[in-house]
N, C-alpha and C. Protein backbone atom coordinates (compact mmCIF):
# COMPACT_ATOMS: atom_id res chain seq x y z
N MET A 1 -12.69 1.42 7.98
CA MET A 1 -11.62 2.19 7.43
C MET A 1 -10.32 1.42 7.39
N ALA A 2 -9.61 1.83 6.43
CA ALA A 2 -8.25 1.14 6.06
C ALA A 2 -7.19 2.20 5.78
N VAL A 3 -6.05 1.85 6.05
CA VAL A 3 -4.93 2.67 5.81
C VAL A 3 -4.00 1.83 4.84
N GLY A 4 -3.10 2.72 4.13
CA GLY A 4 -2.00 2.15 3.37
C GLY A 4 -0.71 3.03 3.57
N ALA A 5 0.38 2.52 3.18
CA ALA A 5 1.62 3.14 3.25
C ALA A 5 2.28 3.30 1.92
N VAL A 6 2.42 4.59 1.54
CA VAL A 6 2.99 4.95 0.20
C VAL A 6 4.54 5.13 0.53
N ILE A 7 5.33 4.14 0.26
CA ILE A 7 6.76 4.09 0.48
C ILE A 7 7.53 3.96 -0.81
N VAL A 8 8.29 5.18 -1.14
CA VAL A 8 8.90 5.35 -2.44
C VAL A 8 10.37 5.70 -2.22
N VAL A 9 11.38 4.81 -2.69
CA VAL A 9 12.70 4.92 -2.60
C VAL A 9 13.34 4.88 -3.86
N GLU A 10 14.26 5.90 -4.12
CA GLU A 10 14.81 5.82 -5.44
C GLU A 10 13.95 5.58 -6.60
N ARG A 11 12.72 6.36 -6.70
CA ARG A 11 11.71 6.18 -7.83
C ARG A 11 11.18 4.84 -7.95
N ALA A 12 11.29 3.98 -6.79
CA ALA A 12 10.50 2.67 -6.77
C ALA A 12 9.63 2.73 -5.57
N ILE A 13 8.36 2.11 -5.82
CA ILE A 13 7.45 2.00 -4.83
C ILE A 13 7.28 0.66 -4.23
N LEU A 14 7.13 0.62 -2.88
CA LEU A 14 6.90 -0.71 -2.26
C LEU A 14 5.58 -1.28 -2.47
N LEU A 15 5.34 -2.41 -3.02
CA LEU A 15 4.05 -2.98 -3.26
C LEU A 15 3.97 -4.48 -2.65
N VAL A 16 2.74 -4.89 -2.18
CA VAL A 16 2.58 -6.27 -1.87
C VAL A 16 1.39 -6.86 -2.79
N ARG A 17 1.68 -7.99 -2.89
CA ARG A 17 0.58 -8.86 -3.71
C ARG A 17 -0.42 -9.40 -2.74
N ARG A 18 -1.64 -9.09 -2.74
CA ARG A 18 -2.57 -9.46 -1.80
C ARG A 18 -2.76 -11.03 -1.89
N GLY A 19 -2.68 -11.68 -0.64
CA GLY A 19 -2.81 -13.13 -0.66
C GLY A 19 -4.22 -13.49 -0.38
N ARG A 20 -5.14 -12.71 0.07
CA ARG A 20 -6.59 -12.98 0.33
C ARG A 20 -7.46 -11.89 -0.18
N PRO A 21 -8.75 -12.20 -0.18
CA PRO A 21 -9.74 -11.18 -0.71
C PRO A 21 -9.85 -10.17 0.41
N PRO A 22 -10.18 -8.98 0.16
CA PRO A 22 -10.54 -8.57 -1.32
C PRO A 22 -9.18 -8.32 -2.05
N ALA A 23 -9.30 -8.41 -3.44
CA ALA A 23 -8.18 -8.24 -4.15
C ALA A 23 -7.03 -9.21 -4.18
N ALA A 24 -7.40 -10.45 -3.83
CA ALA A 24 -6.35 -11.51 -3.79
C ALA A 24 -5.66 -11.42 -5.30
N GLY A 25 -4.24 -11.57 -5.19
CA GLY A 25 -3.51 -11.67 -6.41
C GLY A 25 -3.16 -10.34 -7.08
N LEU A 26 -3.69 -9.31 -6.66
CA LEU A 26 -3.49 -8.12 -7.13
C LEU A 26 -2.41 -7.31 -6.26
N TRP A 27 -1.79 -6.31 -6.80
CA TRP A 27 -0.65 -5.55 -6.21
C TRP A 27 -1.24 -4.25 -5.65
N ALA A 28 -0.79 -3.90 -4.56
CA ALA A 28 -1.31 -2.54 -3.83
C ALA A 28 -0.04 -2.20 -2.81
N VAL A 29 -0.27 -1.04 -2.37
CA VAL A 29 0.57 -0.64 -1.31
C VAL A 29 0.24 -1.31 -0.13
N PRO A 30 1.26 -1.63 0.89
CA PRO A 30 0.87 -2.31 2.07
C PRO A 30 -0.01 -1.62 3.01
N GLY A 31 -0.92 -2.33 3.51
CA GLY A 31 -1.96 -1.67 4.41
C GLY A 31 -3.15 -2.69 4.69
N GLY A 32 -4.07 -2.15 5.42
CA GLY A 32 -5.27 -2.93 5.90
C GLY A 32 -6.03 -2.08 6.81
N ARG A 33 -6.96 -2.95 7.48
CA ARG A 33 -7.88 -2.16 8.31
C ARG A 33 -7.25 -1.50 9.63
N VAL A 34 -7.91 -0.59 10.10
CA VAL A 34 -7.52 0.15 11.33
C VAL A 34 -8.22 -0.66 12.46
N ASN A 35 -7.58 -1.22 13.37
CA ASN A 35 -8.08 -1.84 14.59
C ASN A 35 -8.92 -0.84 15.61
N ARG A 36 -9.80 -1.33 16.43
CA ARG A 36 -10.40 -0.45 17.34
C ARG A 36 -9.39 0.05 18.37
N ASN A 37 -9.55 1.24 18.49
CA ASN A 37 -8.64 2.01 19.51
C ASN A 37 -7.28 2.25 19.10
N GLU A 38 -7.12 2.21 17.79
CA GLU A 38 -5.68 2.30 17.06
C GLU A 38 -5.69 3.50 16.29
N THR A 39 -4.67 4.40 16.44
CA THR A 39 -4.57 5.58 15.68
C THR A 39 -4.27 5.40 14.09
N LEU A 40 -4.43 6.13 13.19
CA LEU A 40 -4.11 5.81 11.81
C LEU A 40 -2.53 5.56 11.77
N ALA A 41 -1.80 6.34 12.33
CA ALA A 41 -0.34 6.17 12.12
C ALA A 41 0.10 4.84 12.71
N ALA A 42 -0.57 4.48 13.85
CA ALA A 42 -0.32 3.24 14.40
C ALA A 42 -0.63 1.95 13.58
N ALA A 43 -1.74 2.23 12.81
CA ALA A 43 -2.18 1.15 11.92
C ALA A 43 -1.20 1.06 10.78
N VAL A 44 -0.75 2.10 10.32
CA VAL A 44 0.33 2.22 9.08
C VAL A 44 1.50 1.36 9.64
N VAL A 45 2.03 1.76 10.81
CA VAL A 45 3.31 1.13 11.20
C VAL A 45 3.02 -0.36 11.34
N ARG A 46 1.97 -0.78 11.94
CA ARG A 46 1.60 -2.33 12.22
C ARG A 46 1.36 -2.96 10.86
N GLU A 47 0.70 -2.37 9.92
CA GLU A 47 0.39 -3.06 8.67
C GLU A 47 1.63 -3.24 7.84
N VAL A 48 2.52 -2.27 7.92
CA VAL A 48 3.74 -2.45 7.12
C VAL A 48 4.64 -3.49 7.73
N ARG A 49 4.77 -3.56 9.06
CA ARG A 49 5.43 -4.51 9.74
C ARG A 49 4.91 -5.92 9.46
N GLU A 50 3.51 -6.06 9.67
CA GLU A 50 3.05 -7.44 9.44
C GLU A 50 3.07 -7.94 7.95
N GLU A 51 3.04 -6.96 7.06
CA GLU A 51 3.09 -7.50 5.56
C GLU A 51 4.37 -7.57 4.92
N THR A 52 5.40 -6.68 5.36
CA THR A 52 6.65 -6.50 4.70
C THR A 52 7.74 -6.82 5.84
N SER A 53 7.69 -7.05 6.94
CA SER A 53 8.76 -7.11 7.96
C SER A 53 9.64 -5.97 8.16
N LEU A 54 9.24 -4.75 7.44
CA LEU A 54 10.03 -3.58 7.47
C LEU A 54 9.49 -2.78 8.58
N ALA A 55 10.43 -1.99 9.29
CA ALA A 55 10.04 -0.96 10.46
C ALA A 55 9.77 0.30 9.72
N VAL A 56 8.70 0.97 10.12
CA VAL A 56 8.39 2.30 9.77
C VAL A 56 9.07 3.23 10.66
N THR A 57 9.85 4.17 10.12
CA THR A 57 10.37 5.24 10.98
C THR A 57 9.70 6.58 11.02
N GLU A 58 8.78 6.75 10.08
CA GLU A 58 7.99 8.00 9.99
C GLU A 58 6.88 7.67 9.05
N VAL A 59 5.68 8.18 9.75
CA VAL A 59 4.43 8.25 8.98
C VAL A 59 4.18 9.78 8.75
N GLY A 60 4.04 10.18 7.42
CA GLY A 60 3.97 11.53 6.97
C GLY A 60 2.56 11.86 6.69
N GLU A 61 2.44 12.81 5.75
CA GLU A 61 1.07 13.34 5.30
C GLU A 61 0.28 12.35 4.51
N LEU A 62 -0.85 12.75 4.49
CA LEU A 62 -1.91 11.94 3.67
C LEU A 62 -1.43 12.01 2.24
N ALA A 63 -1.20 10.85 1.46
CA ALA A 63 -0.72 10.97 0.19
C ALA A 63 -2.06 10.75 -0.82
N TYR A 64 -3.08 9.97 -0.43
CA TYR A 64 -4.11 9.73 -1.23
C TYR A 64 -5.26 9.17 -0.51
N HIS A 65 -6.52 9.44 -0.98
CA HIS A 65 -7.62 8.79 -0.17
C HIS A 65 -8.68 8.30 -1.37
N VAL A 66 -9.53 7.33 -1.01
CA VAL A 66 -10.31 6.83 -1.96
C VAL A 66 -11.46 6.05 -1.16
N ASP A 67 -12.64 6.18 -1.89
CA ASP A 67 -13.86 5.43 -1.32
C ASP A 67 -13.92 4.13 -2.36
N VAL A 68 -14.07 3.03 -1.65
CA VAL A 68 -14.34 1.85 -2.51
C VAL A 68 -15.80 1.41 -2.06
N ILE A 69 -16.73 1.48 -3.00
CA ILE A 69 -18.06 1.04 -2.61
C ILE A 69 -18.57 -0.03 -3.49
N ASP A 70 -18.96 -1.19 -3.01
CA ASP A 70 -19.51 -2.24 -3.67
C ASP A 70 -20.98 -2.40 -3.06
N THR A 71 -21.62 -3.51 -3.51
CA THR A 71 -22.96 -3.81 -3.15
C THR A 71 -23.19 -4.20 -1.67
N GLU A 72 -21.95 -4.54 -1.02
CA GLU A 72 -21.97 -4.98 0.41
C GLU A 72 -21.25 -4.12 1.42
N HIS A 73 -20.20 -3.20 0.80
CA HIS A 73 -19.28 -2.60 1.79
C HIS A 73 -19.15 -1.14 1.20
N HIS A 74 -18.58 -0.36 2.11
CA HIS A 74 -18.15 0.96 1.75
C HIS A 74 -16.72 1.18 2.48
N TYR A 75 -15.74 1.02 1.87
CA TYR A 75 -14.36 1.21 2.50
C TYR A 75 -13.72 2.67 2.17
N VAL A 76 -13.23 3.22 3.26
CA VAL A 76 -12.61 4.44 3.02
C VAL A 76 -11.21 4.15 3.34
N ILE A 77 -10.34 4.38 2.26
CA ILE A 77 -8.92 4.10 2.36
C ILE A 77 -8.08 5.30 2.40
N LEU A 78 -7.30 5.52 3.37
CA LEU A 78 -6.33 6.60 3.52
C LEU A 78 -4.83 6.10 3.46
N ASP A 79 -4.25 6.56 2.38
CA ASP A 79 -2.88 6.10 2.21
C ASP A 79 -1.84 7.30 2.61
N PHE A 80 -1.00 7.01 3.46
CA PHE A 80 -0.09 7.92 3.94
C PHE A 80 1.30 7.76 3.55
N TYR A 81 2.19 8.75 3.20
CA TYR A 81 3.53 8.70 2.97
C TYR A 81 4.14 8.05 4.10
N ALA A 82 5.18 7.22 3.87
CA ALA A 82 5.86 6.70 5.09
C ALA A 82 7.40 6.37 4.66
N THR A 83 8.12 6.32 5.58
CA THR A 83 9.60 5.93 5.38
C THR A 83 9.91 4.85 6.32
N VAL A 84 10.78 3.80 5.71
CA VAL A 84 11.14 2.64 6.43
C VAL A 84 12.66 2.59 6.71
N ALA A 85 13.04 1.85 7.82
CA ALA A 85 14.38 1.63 8.07
C ALA A 85 14.92 0.66 7.02
N PRO A 86 16.33 0.79 6.69
CA PRO A 86 16.82 -0.10 5.70
C PRO A 86 16.63 -1.51 5.83
N GLY A 87 16.48 -2.26 5.00
CA GLY A 87 16.39 -3.80 5.01
C GLY A 87 15.55 -4.23 3.83
N ALA A 88 15.51 -5.52 3.70
CA ALA A 88 14.96 -6.33 2.61
C ALA A 88 13.52 -6.70 3.08
N PRO A 89 12.59 -6.40 2.27
CA PRO A 89 11.21 -6.71 2.59
C PRO A 89 11.03 -8.10 2.54
N VAL A 90 10.12 -8.75 3.23
CA VAL A 90 9.85 -10.13 3.42
C VAL A 90 8.28 -10.20 3.40
N ALA A 91 7.56 -10.95 2.57
CA ALA A 91 6.21 -10.99 2.52
C ALA A 91 5.82 -11.82 3.76
N ALA A 92 4.70 -11.47 4.43
CA ALA A 92 4.26 -12.14 5.44
C ALA A 92 2.71 -11.74 5.68
N ASP A 93 2.09 -12.20 6.77
CA ASP A 93 0.75 -12.14 7.09
C ASP A 93 -0.07 -12.52 5.87
N ASP A 94 -0.96 -11.49 5.25
CA ASP A 94 -1.84 -11.72 4.14
C ASP A 94 -1.04 -11.18 2.87
N ALA A 95 0.16 -10.93 2.84
CA ALA A 95 0.88 -10.51 1.47
C ALA A 95 1.60 -11.94 1.01
N ALA A 96 1.15 -12.19 -0.17
CA ALA A 96 1.73 -13.27 -0.91
C ALA A 96 3.06 -13.05 -1.47
N ALA A 97 3.44 -11.73 -1.66
CA ALA A 97 4.64 -11.44 -2.30
C ALA A 97 4.93 -9.91 -1.94
N VAL A 98 6.05 -9.45 -2.07
CA VAL A 98 6.47 -8.05 -1.79
C VAL A 98 7.65 -7.71 -2.76
N GLY A 99 7.66 -6.35 -3.14
CA GLY A 99 8.83 -6.08 -3.93
C GLY A 99 8.71 -4.46 -4.28
N TRP A 100 9.87 -3.98 -4.80
CA TRP A 100 10.05 -2.59 -5.17
C TRP A 100 9.81 -2.58 -6.57
N PHE A 101 9.07 -1.65 -7.16
CA PHE A 101 8.69 -1.45 -8.49
C PHE A 101 8.88 -0.02 -8.96
N GLY A 102 9.75 0.05 -9.97
CA GLY A 102 9.85 1.42 -10.84
C GLY A 102 8.84 1.50 -11.77
N ALA A 103 8.88 2.69 -12.48
CA ALA A 103 7.86 2.88 -13.54
C ALA A 103 7.81 1.84 -14.47
N GLU A 104 8.88 1.32 -15.02
CA GLU A 104 8.93 0.36 -16.08
C GLU A 104 8.42 -1.04 -15.56
N ALA A 105 8.67 -1.39 -14.40
CA ALA A 105 8.20 -2.66 -13.90
C ALA A 105 6.68 -2.69 -13.56
N LEU A 106 6.20 -1.42 -13.41
CA LEU A 106 4.77 -1.36 -13.16
C LEU A 106 3.87 -1.63 -14.14
N ARG A 107 4.43 -1.35 -15.31
CA ARG A 107 3.65 -1.59 -16.64
C ARG A 107 3.20 -3.08 -16.70
N GLY A 108 1.89 -3.24 -16.79
CA GLY A 108 1.37 -4.58 -17.09
C GLY A 108 1.34 -5.29 -15.62
N LEU A 109 1.66 -4.84 -14.56
CA LEU A 109 1.47 -5.52 -13.32
C LEU A 109 0.00 -5.36 -12.84
N PRO A 110 -0.49 -6.54 -12.45
CA PRO A 110 -2.02 -6.50 -12.14
C PRO A 110 -2.23 -5.87 -10.61
N LEU A 111 -2.71 -4.56 -10.67
CA LEU A 111 -2.94 -3.67 -9.68
C LEU A 111 -4.28 -3.67 -9.25
N VAL A 112 -4.38 -3.23 -7.86
CA VAL A 112 -5.86 -3.05 -7.57
C VAL A 112 -6.38 -1.78 -8.29
N GLN A 113 -7.61 -1.55 -8.46
CA GLN A 113 -8.06 -0.64 -9.34
C GLN A 113 -7.82 0.78 -8.84
N THR A 114 -7.49 1.03 -7.54
CA THR A 114 -7.42 2.32 -6.94
C THR A 114 -6.08 2.83 -6.99
N MET A 115 -5.04 1.91 -7.54
CA MET A 115 -3.65 2.38 -7.58
C MET A 115 -3.29 3.31 -8.65
N GLN A 116 -3.91 3.17 -9.91
CA GLN A 116 -3.55 4.10 -10.98
C GLN A 116 -3.43 5.59 -10.66
N PRO A 117 -4.55 6.12 -10.11
CA PRO A 117 -4.38 7.67 -9.73
C PRO A 117 -3.32 7.98 -8.88
N LEU A 118 -2.98 7.09 -7.92
CA LEU A 118 -1.80 7.30 -7.02
C LEU A 118 -0.36 7.22 -7.77
N LEU A 119 -0.29 6.22 -8.69
CA LEU A 119 0.96 6.16 -9.39
C LEU A 119 1.13 7.32 -10.36
N VAL A 120 0.23 7.78 -10.88
CA VAL A 120 0.12 9.02 -11.76
C VAL A 120 0.59 10.28 -10.90
N GLN A 121 0.05 10.44 -9.77
CA GLN A 121 0.34 11.42 -8.84
C GLN A 121 1.84 11.35 -8.45
N LEU A 122 2.34 10.25 -8.36
CA LEU A 122 3.66 10.03 -7.92
C LEU A 122 4.75 10.09 -9.16
N GLY A 123 4.11 10.20 -10.36
CA GLY A 123 5.04 10.29 -11.50
C GLY A 123 5.54 8.89 -12.01
N LEU A 124 4.88 7.75 -11.52
CA LEU A 124 5.36 6.49 -11.96
C LEU A 124 4.57 5.93 -12.89
N ALA A 125 3.48 6.53 -13.19
CA ALA A 125 2.61 6.15 -14.48
C ALA A 125 2.01 7.45 -15.12
N THR A 126 1.40 7.10 -16.29
CA THR A 126 0.70 8.15 -17.00
C THR A 126 -0.75 7.87 -16.89
N SER A 127 -1.64 8.76 -17.15
CA SER A 127 -3.02 8.59 -17.11
C SER A 127 -3.40 7.73 -18.33
N PRO A 128 -4.37 6.99 -18.11
CA PRO A 128 -4.73 5.91 -19.23
C PRO A 128 -5.25 6.52 -20.38
């Protein structure tokens, strides 16, 4: 199981460019695997801190969920709304880059395949 953090400030979403497989080189919300004996909320806080150096101040409701099934794995990904303390994000851990993206900047950005429905839900993209 994996979690992600949907962090939107002033109509811009925080995304990280994955530095390692799966999805290396593609942009997604910050997140990753839930560790053994870790709550979902604690995993969100940890993953955001590890990948962006930002401190999560609140983990909110479930924003989006998706099953990613391939020939070897079945990932269940739960993305939660979250807020962060003020500060500039810094890419760290397995994130190769990090940034804030508005609707215009998202066009043409290489995203993980599961991002489009979330961006449509948030009003940051239109259905293809």
